[in-house]
Amino acid sequence: MNRPVLIAPSILPADFARLGEECLSLQEAGVDRIHWDIMDGVFVPNLTVGPDVVASIRPLLSIDFEAHLMVVDPDLLIPRYIEAGCSTILVHAEACTHLHRTLSIIADLGATPAVALNPHTPPEAISQVRDLLGMVLVMTVNPGFGGQSYIVEMESKVARIAEMLEGYDCDIEVDGGIGPSTIAAAAKAGANVFVSGSALFNAPEGLTHATADLRQRAEEARS
């Protein structure tokens, strides 16, 4: 299945004093969804936003929200972020003792279950839960900080996951160092959803041009 290219900006580089306005600007620039980086200061070193912040932004936008739970106990937070308006919930395989059960909880609550894999985690971590997944996120940096350099070696992992997901209704997302110089290779490897932060917010020609440019590069690589 030739899945559509989706641009899912991370909110990490946003001006948090103007977070609602920043998210509206992203929507107006033509992005497909907002990627909320949820960090607990334990699973990763940083702390970011809680569900009340996400819920406060939800009425302002019409595009989808996804919550990337970089937390040690995602089961406790899953219901809160779904209630806050996130239609996709990403949990880290490394943080889930009972991954199958966690994904089933997400689905039972009406959201799309998704798994994120850190750079060191092999693709086989998803082999027994593929039937539950709506998306797999391959981290192309180590999670916890924005502005890191893209790990080229993750492209072979994306390609392997694409092979594993043949016949499944499942997107492949990449997150970390995604910009004009890296998105085509990630797309060619098999990704169709792209988390981009710094490359969008720091683009000299603005968000709209940067969003269109990333989409075009990915679509051309996948064609």
N, C-alpha and C. Protein backbone atom coordinates (compact mmCIF):
# COMPACT_ATOMS: atom_id res chain seq x y z
N MET A 1 0.85 -1.20 0.00
CA MET A 1 0.00 0.00 0.00
C MET A 1 0.88 1.25 0.00
N ASN A 2 0.60 2.16 -0.94
CA ASN A 2 1.36 3.41 -1.02
C ASN A 2 0.73 4.42 -0.07
N ARG A 3 1.23 4.49 1.13
CA ARG A 3 0.61 5.30 2.17
C ARG A 3 0.95 6.78 1.97
N PRO A 4 0.05 7.67 2.35
CA PRO A 4 0.30 9.10 2.14
C PRO A 4 1.43 9.61 3.02
N VAL A 5 2.13 10.61 2.52
CA VAL A 5 3.14 11.31 3.30
C VAL A 5 2.44 12.25 4.28
N LEU A 6 2.83 12.18 5.55
CA LEU A 6 2.26 13.02 6.58
C LEU A 6 3.39 13.77 7.31
N ILE A 7 3.21 15.05 7.52
CA ILE A 7 4.18 15.86 8.25
C ILE A 7 3.61 16.12 9.64
N ALA A 8 4.38 15.72 10.66
CA ALA A 8 3.91 15.78 12.05
C ALA A 8 4.94 16.55 12.88
N PRO A 9 4.83 17.87 12.94
CA PRO A 9 5.85 18.65 13.64
C PRO A 9 5.87 18.41 15.15
N SER A 10 7.07 18.36 15.67
CA SER A 10 7.26 18.33 17.12
C SER A 10 7.09 19.74 17.68
N ILE A 11 6.51 19.82 18.88
CA ILE A 11 6.32 21.13 19.50
C ILE A 11 7.53 21.56 20.33
N LEU A 12 8.56 20.74 20.40
CA LEU A 12 9.70 21.07 21.27
C LEU A 12 10.35 22.42 20.97
N PRO A 13 10.53 22.82 19.69
CA PRO A 13 11.18 24.11 19.44
C PRO A 13 10.23 25.31 19.54
N ALA A 14 8.95 25.07 19.83
CA ALA A 14 7.97 26.16 19.85
C ALA A 14 8.24 27.12 21.00
N ASP A 15 7.73 28.33 20.87
CA ASP A 15 7.74 29.30 21.95
C ASP A 15 6.58 28.93 22.89
N PHE A 16 6.90 28.37 24.03
CA PHE A 16 5.86 27.84 24.92
C PHE A 16 5.02 28.95 25.54
N ALA A 17 5.50 30.18 25.50
CA ALA A 17 4.68 31.30 25.97
C ALA A 17 3.56 31.62 24.98
N ARG A 18 3.70 31.10 23.75
CA ARG A 18 2.72 31.33 22.69
C ARG A 18 2.33 30.00 22.05
N LEU A 19 2.17 28.97 22.86
CA LEU A 19 2.04 27.62 22.33
C LEU A 19 0.81 27.46 21.45
N GLY A 20 -0.31 28.03 21.87
CA GLY A 20 -1.51 27.93 21.05
C GLY A 20 -1.32 28.58 19.69
N GLU A 21 -0.72 29.76 19.67
CA GLU A 21 -0.46 30.46 18.41
C GLU A 21 0.51 29.68 17.54
N GLU A 22 1.51 29.10 18.16
CA GLU A 22 2.50 28.33 17.40
C GLU A 22 1.83 27.11 16.74
N CYS A 23 0.96 26.44 17.47
CA CYS A 23 0.27 25.28 16.90
C CYS A 23 -0.67 25.69 15.78
N LEU A 24 -1.35 26.81 15.96
CA LEU A 24 -2.20 27.33 14.89
C LEU A 24 -1.39 27.66 13.64
N SER A 25 -0.21 28.22 13.83
CA SER A 25 0.66 28.54 12.69
C SER A 25 1.07 27.27 11.94
N LEU A 26 1.31 26.21 12.68
CA LEU A 26 1.65 24.94 12.03
C LEU A 26 0.48 24.42 11.21
N GLN A 27 -0.71 24.48 11.78
CA GLN A 27 -1.88 24.03 11.03
C GLN A 27 -2.06 24.86 9.76
N GLU A 28 -1.92 26.16 9.89
CA GLU A 28 -2.07 27.05 8.72
C GLU A 28 -0.99 26.81 7.68
N ALA A 29 0.16 26.30 8.12
CA ALA A 29 1.26 26.00 7.19
C ALA A 29 1.03 24.71 6.42
N GLY A 30 0.01 23.93 6.80
CA GLY A 30 -0.33 22.74 6.05
C GLY A 30 0.16 21.43 6.62
N VAL A 31 0.58 21.41 7.89
CA VAL A 31 1.00 20.13 8.48
C VAL A 31 -0.21 19.23 8.67
N ASP A 32 0.05 17.94 8.89
CA ASP A 32 -1.04 16.97 8.98
C ASP A 32 -1.48 16.66 10.40
N ARG A 33 -0.56 16.77 11.34
CA ARG A 33 -0.89 16.50 12.74
C ARG A 33 0.16 17.15 13.63
N ILE A 34 -0.14 17.27 14.90
CA ILE A 34 0.82 17.78 15.88
C ILE A 34 1.37 16.61 16.70
N HIS A 35 2.68 16.57 16.82
CA HIS A 35 3.36 15.51 17.57
C HIS A 35 3.76 16.07 18.94
N TRP A 36 3.09 15.59 19.97
CA TRP A 36 3.35 16.05 21.33
C TRP A 36 4.41 15.16 21.98
N ASP A 37 5.57 15.74 22.26
CA ASP A 37 6.65 15.02 22.94
C ASP A 37 6.41 15.08 24.44
N ILE A 38 6.01 13.95 25.01
CA ILE A 38 5.67 13.89 26.43
C ILE A 38 6.82 13.23 27.18
N MET A 39 7.52 14.00 27.99
CA MET A 39 8.72 13.52 28.69
C MET A 39 8.54 13.66 30.19
N ASP A 40 8.99 12.63 30.92
CA ASP A 40 8.73 12.59 32.37
C ASP A 40 9.94 12.89 33.24
N GLY A 41 11.11 13.16 32.63
CA GLY A 41 12.30 13.42 33.42
C GLY A 41 12.95 12.18 33.99
N VAL A 42 12.41 10.99 33.65
CA VAL A 42 12.95 9.72 34.14
C VAL A 42 13.34 8.83 32.95
N PHE A 43 12.37 8.49 32.13
CA PHE A 43 12.67 7.71 30.93
C PHE A 43 13.62 8.48 30.02
N VAL A 44 13.41 9.80 29.95
CA VAL A 44 14.34 10.71 29.29
C VAL A 44 14.61 11.86 30.25
N PRO A 45 15.71 12.59 30.06
CA PRO A 45 16.09 13.60 31.07
C PRO A 45 15.16 14.79 31.17
N ASN A 46 14.48 15.16 30.10
CA ASN A 46 13.69 16.38 30.11
C ASN A 46 12.27 16.18 30.63
N LEU A 47 11.63 17.29 30.98
CA LEU A 47 10.21 17.36 31.30
C LEU A 47 9.54 18.26 30.26
N THR A 48 8.37 17.87 29.80
CA THR A 48 7.68 18.74 28.85
C THR A 48 6.28 19.06 29.35
N VAL A 49 5.24 18.63 28.62
CA VAL A 49 3.90 19.10 28.93
C VAL A 49 3.00 17.96 29.43
N GLY A 50 2.06 18.32 30.28
CA GLY A 50 1.08 17.38 30.78
C GLY A 50 -0.19 17.40 29.95
N PRO A 51 -1.13 16.53 30.27
CA PRO A 51 -2.36 16.43 29.48
C PRO A 51 -3.21 17.68 29.51
N ASP A 52 -3.15 18.46 30.59
CA ASP A 52 -3.96 19.67 30.65
C ASP A 52 -3.50 20.70 29.61
N VAL A 53 -2.21 20.75 29.35
CA VAL A 53 -1.70 21.66 28.32
C VAL A 53 -2.21 21.22 26.95
N VAL A 54 -2.12 19.93 26.67
CA VAL A 54 -2.61 19.41 25.39
C VAL A 54 -4.10 19.70 25.23
N ALA A 55 -4.86 19.45 26.30
CA ALA A 55 -6.31 19.68 26.25
C ALA A 55 -6.64 21.14 26.00
N SER A 56 -5.81 22.05 26.52
CA SER A 56 -6.08 23.47 26.33
C SER A 56 -5.88 23.91 24.89
N ILE A 57 -5.04 23.20 24.14
CA ILE A 57 -4.76 23.53 22.74
C ILE A 57 -5.75 22.85 21.80
N ARG A 58 -6.30 21.72 22.22
CA ARG A 58 -7.13 20.90 21.34
C ARG A 58 -8.28 21.69 20.68
N PRO A 59 -9.02 22.55 21.40
CA PRO A 59 -10.14 23.24 20.73
C PRO A 59 -9.71 24.24 19.66
N LEU A 60 -8.43 24.62 19.64
CA LEU A 60 -7.97 25.63 18.69
C LEU A 60 -7.70 25.07 17.30
N LEU A 61 -7.49 23.75 17.20
CA LEU A 61 -7.04 23.13 15.96
C LEU A 61 -8.02 22.07 15.49
N SER A 62 -8.01 21.82 14.18
CA SER A 62 -8.85 20.76 13.61
C SER A 62 -8.05 19.52 13.21
N ILE A 63 -6.72 19.63 13.12
CA ILE A 63 -5.89 18.49 12.72
C ILE A 63 -5.68 17.55 13.91
N ASP A 64 -5.21 16.33 13.61
CA ASP A 64 -5.03 15.32 14.64
C ASP A 64 -3.86 15.64 15.57
N PHE A 65 -3.94 15.11 16.78
CA PHE A 65 -2.85 15.15 17.75
C PHE A 65 -2.36 13.72 17.97
N GLU A 66 -1.03 13.58 18.13
CA GLU A 66 -0.47 12.30 18.59
C GLU A 66 0.41 12.57 19.80
N ALA A 67 0.32 11.68 20.79
CA ALA A 67 1.12 11.81 22.01
C ALA A 67 2.21 10.76 22.00
N HIS A 68 3.45 11.21 22.06
CA HIS A 68 4.62 10.33 22.10
C HIS A 68 5.06 10.25 23.56
N LEU A 69 4.67 9.17 24.22
CA LEU A 69 4.89 9.04 25.66
C LEU A 69 6.28 8.49 25.95
N MET A 70 7.22 9.39 26.21
CA MET A 70 8.57 9.01 26.62
C MET A 70 8.59 9.00 28.15
N VAL A 71 7.93 7.98 28.71
CA VAL A 71 7.69 7.92 30.15
C VAL A 71 7.89 6.49 30.63
N VAL A 72 8.15 6.34 31.93
CA VAL A 72 8.45 5.01 32.45
C VAL A 72 7.22 4.15 32.65
N ASP A 73 6.05 4.76 32.87
CA ASP A 73 4.84 3.99 33.10
C ASP A 73 3.70 4.54 32.25
N PRO A 74 3.73 4.24 30.94
CA PRO A 74 2.74 4.83 30.04
C PRO A 74 1.30 4.45 30.37
N ASP A 75 1.09 3.28 30.95
CA ASP A 75 -0.28 2.83 31.23
C ASP A 75 -1.05 3.83 32.11
N LEU A 76 -0.33 4.51 33.00
CA LEU A 76 -0.98 5.47 33.89
C LEU A 76 -1.45 6.72 33.15
N LEU A 77 -0.75 7.07 32.07
CA LEU A 77 -1.01 8.33 31.38
C LEU A 77 -1.85 8.19 30.11
N ILE A 78 -1.94 6.99 29.57
CA ILE A 78 -2.66 6.79 28.31
C ILE A 78 -4.08 7.39 28.35
N PRO A 79 -4.89 7.07 29.36
CA PRO A 79 -6.25 7.62 29.36
C PRO A 79 -6.28 9.14 29.40
N ARG A 80 -5.35 9.75 30.09
CA ARG A 80 -5.33 11.20 30.23
C ARG A 80 -5.08 11.89 28.88
N TYR A 81 -4.16 11.35 28.11
CA TYR A 81 -3.85 11.98 26.83
C TYR A 81 -4.91 11.70 25.78
N ILE A 82 -5.58 10.58 25.88
CA ILE A 82 -6.71 10.35 24.99
C ILE A 82 -7.85 11.31 25.34
N GLU A 83 -8.11 11.49 26.62
CA GLU A 83 -9.12 12.45 27.06
C GLU A 83 -8.76 13.87 26.63
N ALA A 84 -7.46 14.16 26.56
CA ALA A 84 -6.99 15.49 26.16
C ALA A 84 -7.13 15.73 24.66
N GLY A 85 -7.43 14.68 23.90
CA GLY A 85 -7.69 14.86 22.48
C GLY A 85 -6.68 14.26 21.53
N CYS A 86 -5.82 13.37 22.02
CA CYS A 86 -4.84 12.71 21.15
C CYS A 86 -5.46 11.46 20.53
N SER A 87 -5.45 11.40 19.21
CA SER A 87 -6.07 10.26 18.53
C SER A 87 -5.09 9.12 18.28
N THR A 88 -3.80 9.38 18.43
CA THR A 88 -2.77 8.34 18.34
C THR A 88 -1.90 8.42 19.58
N ILE A 89 -1.63 7.26 20.18
CA ILE A 89 -0.77 7.20 21.37
C ILE A 89 0.42 6.30 21.05
N LEU A 90 1.62 6.89 21.18
CA LEU A 90 2.85 6.14 20.97
C LEU A 90 3.48 5.80 22.31
N VAL A 91 3.74 4.52 22.51
CA VAL A 91 4.44 4.07 23.72
C VAL A 91 5.76 3.45 23.31
N HIS A 92 6.74 3.55 24.18
CA HIS A 92 8.04 2.95 23.89
C HIS A 92 8.04 1.48 24.29
N ALA A 93 8.50 0.65 23.36
CA ALA A 93 8.60 -0.78 23.67
C ALA A 93 9.47 -1.01 24.89
N GLU A 94 10.50 -0.16 25.06
CA GLU A 94 11.44 -0.33 26.17
C GLU A 94 10.79 -0.04 27.53
N ALA A 95 9.67 0.70 27.53
CA ALA A 95 9.03 1.09 28.78
C ALA A 95 7.85 0.21 29.15
N CYS A 96 7.48 -0.72 28.27
CA CYS A 96 6.25 -1.50 28.48
C CYS A 96 6.60 -2.95 28.87
N THR A 97 6.27 -3.30 30.10
CA THR A 97 6.49 -4.69 30.55
C THR A 97 5.56 -5.64 29.80
N HIS A 98 4.33 -5.19 29.56
CA HIS A 98 3.34 -6.00 28.86
C HIS A 98 2.84 -5.21 27.64
N LEU A 99 3.65 -5.20 26.59
CA LEU A 99 3.39 -4.35 25.44
C LEU A 99 2.05 -4.68 24.78
N HIS A 100 1.75 -5.95 24.63
CA HIS A 100 0.50 -6.35 23.99
C HIS A 100 -0.69 -5.78 24.76
N ARG A 101 -0.65 -5.88 26.07
CA ARG A 101 -1.76 -5.36 26.90
C ARG A 101 -1.86 -3.84 26.79
N THR A 102 -0.72 -3.17 26.80
CA THR A 102 -0.73 -1.70 26.71
C THR A 102 -1.35 -1.25 25.40
N LEU A 103 -0.97 -1.87 24.29
CA LEU A 103 -1.52 -1.52 23.00
C LEU A 103 -3.02 -1.80 22.94
N SER A 104 -3.44 -2.89 23.57
CA SER A 104 -4.86 -3.23 23.61
C SER A 104 -5.65 -2.20 24.39
N ILE A 105 -5.06 -1.67 25.46
CA ILE A 105 -5.71 -0.62 26.24
C ILE A 105 -5.94 0.62 25.39
N ILE A 106 -4.93 1.00 24.62
CA ILE A 106 -5.06 2.18 23.75
C ILE A 106 -6.21 1.98 22.77
N ALA A 107 -6.24 0.81 22.14
CA ALA A 107 -7.30 0.53 21.17
C ALA A 107 -8.67 0.52 21.83
N ASP A 108 -8.78 -0.08 23.01
CA ASP A 108 -10.06 -0.16 23.72
C ASP A 108 -10.58 1.23 24.08
N LEU A 109 -9.65 2.18 24.27
CA LEU A 109 -10.05 3.55 24.62
C LEU A 109 -10.33 4.41 23.38
N GLY A 110 -10.22 3.80 22.20
CA GLY A 110 -10.63 4.48 20.99
C GLY A 110 -9.55 5.23 20.24
N ALA A 111 -8.29 5.05 20.63
CA ALA A 111 -7.19 5.71 19.94
C ALA A 111 -6.40 4.70 19.11
N THR A 112 -5.53 5.20 18.25
CA THR A 112 -4.67 4.34 17.43
C THR A 112 -3.44 3.95 18.21
N PRO A 113 -3.18 2.64 18.39
CA PRO A 113 -1.99 2.21 19.13
C PRO A 113 -0.74 2.29 18.25
N ALA A 114 0.34 2.78 18.84
CA ALA A 114 1.59 2.90 18.11
C ALA A 114 2.75 2.59 19.05
N VAL A 115 3.83 2.09 18.47
CA VAL A 115 5.03 1.73 19.24
C VAL A 115 6.21 2.55 18.73
N ALA A 116 7.00 3.08 19.65
CA ALA A 116 8.25 3.76 19.34
C ALA A 116 9.42 2.87 19.74
N LEU A 117 10.45 2.86 18.89
CA LEU A 117 11.64 2.06 19.14
C LEU A 117 12.87 2.97 19.20
N ASN A 118 13.60 2.90 20.31
CA ASN A 118 14.85 3.63 20.43
C ASN A 118 15.89 3.07 19.45
N PRO A 119 16.95 3.84 19.16
CA PRO A 119 17.92 3.37 18.18
C PRO A 119 18.49 1.98 18.45
N HIS A 120 18.69 1.62 19.71
CA HIS A 120 19.30 0.32 20.00
C HIS A 120 18.32 -0.84 19.97
N THR A 121 17.02 -0.56 19.88
CA THR A 121 16.00 -1.61 19.97
C THR A 121 15.79 -2.24 18.60
N PRO A 122 15.89 -3.57 18.50
CA PRO A 122 15.78 -4.21 17.19
C PRO A 122 14.36 -4.20 16.66
N PRO A 123 14.19 -4.27 15.35
CA PRO A 123 12.85 -4.30 14.75
C PRO A 123 11.99 -5.43 15.27
N GLU A 124 12.61 -6.54 15.64
CA GLU A 124 11.86 -7.71 16.08
C GLU A 124 11.02 -7.46 17.33
N ALA A 125 11.24 -6.32 17.99
CA ALA A 125 10.43 -5.98 19.18
C ALA A 125 8.95 -5.85 18.84
N ILE A 126 8.63 -5.60 17.55
CA ILE A 126 7.22 -5.46 17.18
C ILE A 126 6.63 -6.73 16.58
N SER A 127 7.43 -7.77 16.46
CA SER A 127 7.02 -8.93 15.65
C SER A 127 5.74 -9.60 16.14
N GLN A 128 5.51 -9.59 17.46
CA GLN A 128 4.34 -10.28 18.01
C GLN A 128 3.16 -9.36 18.28
N VAL A 129 3.27 -8.09 17.89
CA VAL A 129 2.15 -7.16 18.13
C VAL A 129 1.75 -6.42 16.85
N ARG A 130 2.22 -6.89 15.71
CA ARG A 130 1.96 -6.17 14.46
C ARG A 130 0.47 -6.01 14.18
N ASP A 131 -0.33 -6.99 14.57
CA ASP A 131 -1.76 -6.94 14.29
C ASP A 131 -2.48 -5.86 15.10
N LEU A 132 -1.83 -5.34 16.14
CA LEU A 132 -2.43 -4.31 16.99
C LEU A 132 -2.03 -2.90 16.59
N LEU A 133 -1.06 -2.77 15.71
CA LEU A 133 -0.42 -1.47 15.49
C LEU A 133 -1.05 -0.67 14.36
N GLY A 134 -1.17 0.64 14.59
CA GLY A 134 -1.52 1.57 13.52
C GLY A 134 -0.32 2.34 13.04
N MET A 135 0.77 2.30 13.83
CA MET A 135 1.99 3.02 13.44
C MET A 135 3.17 2.50 14.24
N VAL A 136 4.34 2.51 13.61
CA VAL A 136 5.61 2.23 14.29
C VAL A 136 6.50 3.45 14.10
N LEU A 137 7.07 3.93 15.19
CA LEU A 137 7.98 5.07 15.15
C LEU A 137 9.41 4.59 15.36
N VAL A 138 10.24 4.84 14.37
CA VAL A 138 11.67 4.55 14.49
C VAL A 138 12.36 5.85 14.91
N MET A 139 12.94 5.84 16.10
CA MET A 139 13.69 7.01 16.56
C MET A 139 15.01 7.08 15.78
N THR A 140 15.20 8.20 15.11
CA THR A 140 16.43 8.41 14.34
C THR A 140 17.41 9.30 15.11
N VAL A 141 17.11 9.54 16.38
CA VAL A 141 18.03 10.07 17.39
C VAL A 141 17.68 9.37 18.70
N ASN A 142 18.50 9.53 19.70
CA ASN A 142 18.13 9.07 21.02
C ASN A 142 17.14 10.06 21.62
N PRO A 143 16.04 9.59 22.21
CA PRO A 143 14.98 10.50 22.64
C PRO A 143 15.39 11.36 23.82
N GLY A 144 14.72 12.52 23.92
CA GLY A 144 14.91 13.36 25.09
C GLY A 144 15.28 14.79 24.82
N PHE A 145 15.82 15.07 23.64
CA PHE A 145 16.25 16.42 23.31
C PHE A 145 15.95 16.71 21.84
N GLY A 146 15.57 17.95 21.54
CA GLY A 146 15.44 18.38 20.16
C GLY A 146 16.78 18.79 19.59
N GLY A 147 16.85 18.94 18.27
CA GLY A 147 18.03 19.46 17.62
C GLY A 147 19.20 18.51 17.48
N GLN A 148 18.98 17.20 17.65
CA GLN A 148 20.07 16.24 17.53
C GLN A 148 20.30 15.85 16.07
N SER A 149 21.45 15.25 15.82
CA SER A 149 21.82 14.82 14.47
C SER A 149 21.20 13.48 14.14
N TYR A 150 20.73 13.37 12.93
CA TYR A 150 20.10 12.18 12.37
C TYR A 150 21.07 11.01 12.34
N ILE A 151 20.61 9.84 12.77
CA ILE A 151 21.43 8.62 12.77
C ILE A 151 21.15 7.86 11.48
N VAL A 152 22.07 7.93 10.55
CA VAL A 152 21.86 7.35 9.21
C VAL A 152 21.61 5.85 9.29
N GLU A 153 22.25 5.19 10.24
CA GLU A 153 22.13 3.73 10.34
C GLU A 153 20.70 3.26 10.60
N MET A 154 19.82 4.16 11.02
CA MET A 154 18.43 3.77 11.27
C MET A 154 17.65 3.53 9.98
N GLU A 155 18.20 3.93 8.84
CA GLU A 155 17.48 3.71 7.58
C GLU A 155 17.31 2.22 7.28
N SER A 156 18.32 1.42 7.59
CA SER A 156 18.18 -0.03 7.38
C SER A 156 17.13 -0.62 8.32
N LYS A 157 17.00 -0.04 9.49
CA LYS A 157 15.96 -0.49 10.43
C LYS A 157 14.57 -0.14 9.90
N VAL A 158 14.42 1.05 9.35
CA VAL A 158 13.15 1.44 8.74
C VAL A 158 12.80 0.46 7.62
N ALA A 159 13.77 0.13 6.79
CA ALA A 159 13.54 -0.78 5.68
C ALA A 159 13.13 -2.17 6.17
N ARG A 160 13.76 -2.62 7.23
CA ARG A 160 13.41 -3.94 7.79
C ARG A 160 11.99 -3.92 8.35
N ILE A 161 11.62 -2.84 9.03
CA ILE A 161 10.26 -2.75 9.57
C ILE A 161 9.24 -2.68 8.44
N ALA A 162 9.57 -1.98 7.36
CA ALA A 162 8.67 -1.94 6.21
C ALA A 162 8.42 -3.33 5.66
N GLU A 163 9.45 -4.16 5.63
CA GLU A 163 9.28 -5.55 5.19
C GLU A 163 8.37 -6.32 6.16
N MET A 164 8.60 -6.12 7.45
CA MET A 164 7.81 -6.83 8.46
C MET A 164 6.34 -6.44 8.44
N LEU A 165 6.05 -5.21 7.98
CA LEU A 165 4.68 -4.70 8.01
C LEU A 165 3.94 -4.87 6.69
N GLU A 166 4.55 -5.56 5.73
CA GLU A 166 3.85 -5.81 4.47
C GLU A 166 2.56 -6.58 4.76
N GLY A 167 1.45 -6.07 4.23
CA GLY A 167 0.16 -6.70 4.47
C GLY A 167 -0.57 -6.18 5.69
N TYR A 168 0.08 -5.31 6.48
CA TYR A 168 -0.55 -4.72 7.66
C TYR A 168 -0.92 -3.27 7.36
N ASP A 169 -1.99 -2.82 7.98
CA ASP A 169 -2.45 -1.44 7.81
C ASP A 169 -1.74 -0.57 8.85
N CYS A 170 -0.52 -0.16 8.53
CA CYS A 170 0.34 0.45 9.55
C CYS A 170 1.28 1.48 8.92
N ASP A 171 1.32 2.67 9.50
CA ASP A 171 2.26 3.70 9.07
C ASP A 171 3.63 3.46 9.71
N ILE A 172 4.65 4.05 9.08
CA ILE A 172 6.00 4.06 9.66
C ILE A 172 6.43 5.51 9.80
N GLU A 173 6.75 5.89 11.02
CA GLU A 173 7.13 7.26 11.34
C GLU A 173 8.61 7.31 11.73
N VAL A 174 9.25 8.43 11.43
CA VAL A 174 10.62 8.66 11.88
C VAL A 174 10.67 9.98 12.63
N ASP A 175 11.55 10.03 13.63
CA ASP A 175 11.60 11.19 14.52
C ASP A 175 13.05 11.42 14.93
N GLY A 176 13.57 12.60 14.56
CA GLY A 176 14.90 12.97 15.00
C GLY A 176 15.79 13.38 13.85
N GLY A 177 16.13 14.65 13.77
CA GLY A 177 17.02 15.13 12.72
C GLY A 177 16.40 15.13 11.35
N ILE A 178 15.07 15.16 11.27
CA ILE A 178 14.40 15.13 9.97
C ILE A 178 14.32 16.54 9.41
N GLY A 179 14.89 16.72 8.23
CA GLY A 179 14.91 18.02 7.56
C GLY A 179 15.15 17.81 6.07
N PRO A 180 15.40 18.88 5.34
CA PRO A 180 15.58 18.77 3.88
C PRO A 180 16.67 17.81 3.44
N SER A 181 17.73 17.67 4.25
CA SER A 181 18.85 16.83 3.83
C SER A 181 18.68 15.36 4.22
N THR A 182 17.67 15.03 5.02
CA THR A 182 17.53 13.66 5.51
C THR A 182 16.20 13.01 5.16
N ILE A 183 15.17 13.80 4.86
CA ILE A 183 13.83 13.23 4.73
C ILE A 183 13.72 12.29 3.54
N ALA A 184 14.40 12.59 2.44
CA ALA A 184 14.28 11.74 1.26
C ALA A 184 14.80 10.33 1.53
N ALA A 185 15.93 10.22 2.20
CA ALA A 185 16.49 8.90 2.48
C ALA A 185 15.60 8.11 3.42
N ALA A 186 15.04 8.79 4.43
CA ALA A 186 14.13 8.11 5.35
C ALA A 186 12.88 7.64 4.62
N ALA A 187 12.38 8.47 3.70
CA ALA A 187 11.19 8.10 2.93
C ALA A 187 11.50 6.93 1.98
N LYS A 188 12.65 6.98 1.35
CA LYS A 188 13.02 5.90 0.44
C LYS A 188 13.16 4.58 1.17
N ALA A 189 13.59 4.65 2.43
CA ALA A 189 13.73 3.43 3.24
C ALA A 189 12.38 2.84 3.61
N GLY A 190 11.32 3.66 3.59
CA GLY A 190 10.00 3.12 3.89
C GLY A 190 9.13 3.94 4.80
N ALA A 191 9.64 5.05 5.35
CA ALA A 191 8.83 5.88 6.25
C ALA A 191 7.85 6.73 5.45
N ASN A 192 6.68 6.99 6.05
CA ASN A 192 5.72 7.89 5.41
C ASN A 192 5.20 8.98 6.33
N VAL A 193 5.55 8.93 7.62
CA VAL A 193 5.18 9.97 8.58
C VAL A 193 6.47 10.55 9.14
N PHE A 194 6.57 11.88 9.15
CA PHE A 194 7.84 12.52 9.46
C PHE A 194 7.66 13.57 10.55
N VAL A 195 8.34 13.34 11.68
CA VAL A 195 8.37 14.31 12.77
C VAL A 195 9.53 15.25 12.51
N SER A 196 9.25 16.53 12.46
CA SER A 196 10.30 17.52 12.23
C SER A 196 10.07 18.67 13.19
N GLY A 197 11.14 19.12 13.82
CA GLY A 197 11.04 20.23 14.75
C GLY A 197 11.86 21.42 14.31
N SER A 198 13.15 21.35 14.58
CA SER A 198 14.04 22.47 14.29
C SER A 198 14.02 22.87 12.82
N ALA A 199 13.96 21.88 11.92
CA ALA A 199 14.00 22.19 10.49
C ALA A 199 12.79 23.01 10.05
N LEU A 200 11.66 22.84 10.72
CA LEU A 200 10.48 23.63 10.41
C LEU A 200 10.53 25.00 11.07
N PHE A 201 10.75 25.00 12.38
CA PHE A 201 10.68 26.25 13.13
C PHE A 201 11.80 27.22 12.77
N ASN A 202 12.95 26.68 12.33
CA ASN A 202 14.09 27.54 12.01
C ASN A 202 14.25 27.82 10.52
N ALA A 203 13.30 27.37 9.72
CA ALA A 203 13.41 27.55 8.27
C ALA A 203 13.36 29.03 7.91
N PRO A 204 14.36 29.51 7.18
CA PRO A 204 14.42 30.95 6.88
C PRO A 204 13.26 31.44 6.02
N GLU A 205 12.66 30.57 5.21
CA GLU A 205 11.56 30.98 4.34
C GLU A 205 10.19 30.74 4.95
N GLY A 206 10.16 30.33 6.22
CA GLY A 206 8.91 30.21 6.93
C GLY A 206 8.32 28.80 6.95
N LEU A 207 7.31 28.62 7.81
CA LEU A 207 6.72 27.30 8.05
C LEU A 207 6.03 26.74 6.81
N THR A 208 5.30 27.57 6.09
CA THR A 208 4.54 27.06 4.95
C THR A 208 5.47 26.51 3.87
N HIS A 209 6.49 27.28 3.54
CA HIS A 209 7.46 26.81 2.54
C HIS A 209 8.17 25.56 3.03
N ALA A 210 8.59 25.55 4.30
CA ALA A 210 9.33 24.40 4.84
C ALA A 210 8.48 23.14 4.84
N THR A 211 7.20 23.27 5.19
CA THR A 211 6.30 22.12 5.21
C THR A 211 6.13 21.55 3.80
N ALA A 212 5.86 22.43 2.84
CA ALA A 212 5.68 22.00 1.45
C ALA A 212 6.95 21.36 0.89
N ASP A 213 8.09 21.92 1.25
CA ASP A 213 9.37 21.41 0.77
C ASP A 213 9.63 20.00 1.30
N LEU A 214 9.39 19.80 2.60
CA LEU A 214 9.58 18.46 3.18
C LEU A 214 8.64 17.46 2.54
N ARG A 215 7.38 17.85 2.36
CA ARG A 215 6.41 16.94 1.77
C ARG A 215 6.82 16.55 0.35
N GLN A 216 7.25 17.53 -0.43
CA GLN A 216 7.64 17.25 -1.81
C GLN A 216 8.84 16.31 -1.86
N ARG A 217 9.84 16.56 -1.03
CA ARG A 217 11.02 15.71 -1.02
C ARG A 217 10.66 14.26 -0.65
N ALA A 218 9.77 14.09 0.34
CA ALA A 218 9.38 12.75 0.76
C ALA A 218 8.55 12.06 -0.32
N GLU A 219 7.62 12.80 -0.92
CA GLU A 219 6.77 12.19 -1.96
C GLU A 219 7.59 11.77 -3.17
N GLU A 220 8.54 12.58 -3.54
CA GLU A 220 9.39 12.23 -4.69
C GLU A 220 10.23 10.99 -4.39
N ALA A 221 10.71 10.88 -3.16
CA ALA A 221 11.52 9.73 -2.77
C ALA A 221 10.70 8.44 -2.72
N ARG A 222 9.41 8.57 -2.41
CA ARG A 222 8.55 7.39 -2.30
C ARG A 222 7.90 7.01 -3.63
N SER A 223 8.00 7.87 -4.63
CA SER A 223 7.31 7.60 -5.91
C SER A 223 8.09 6.61 -6.78
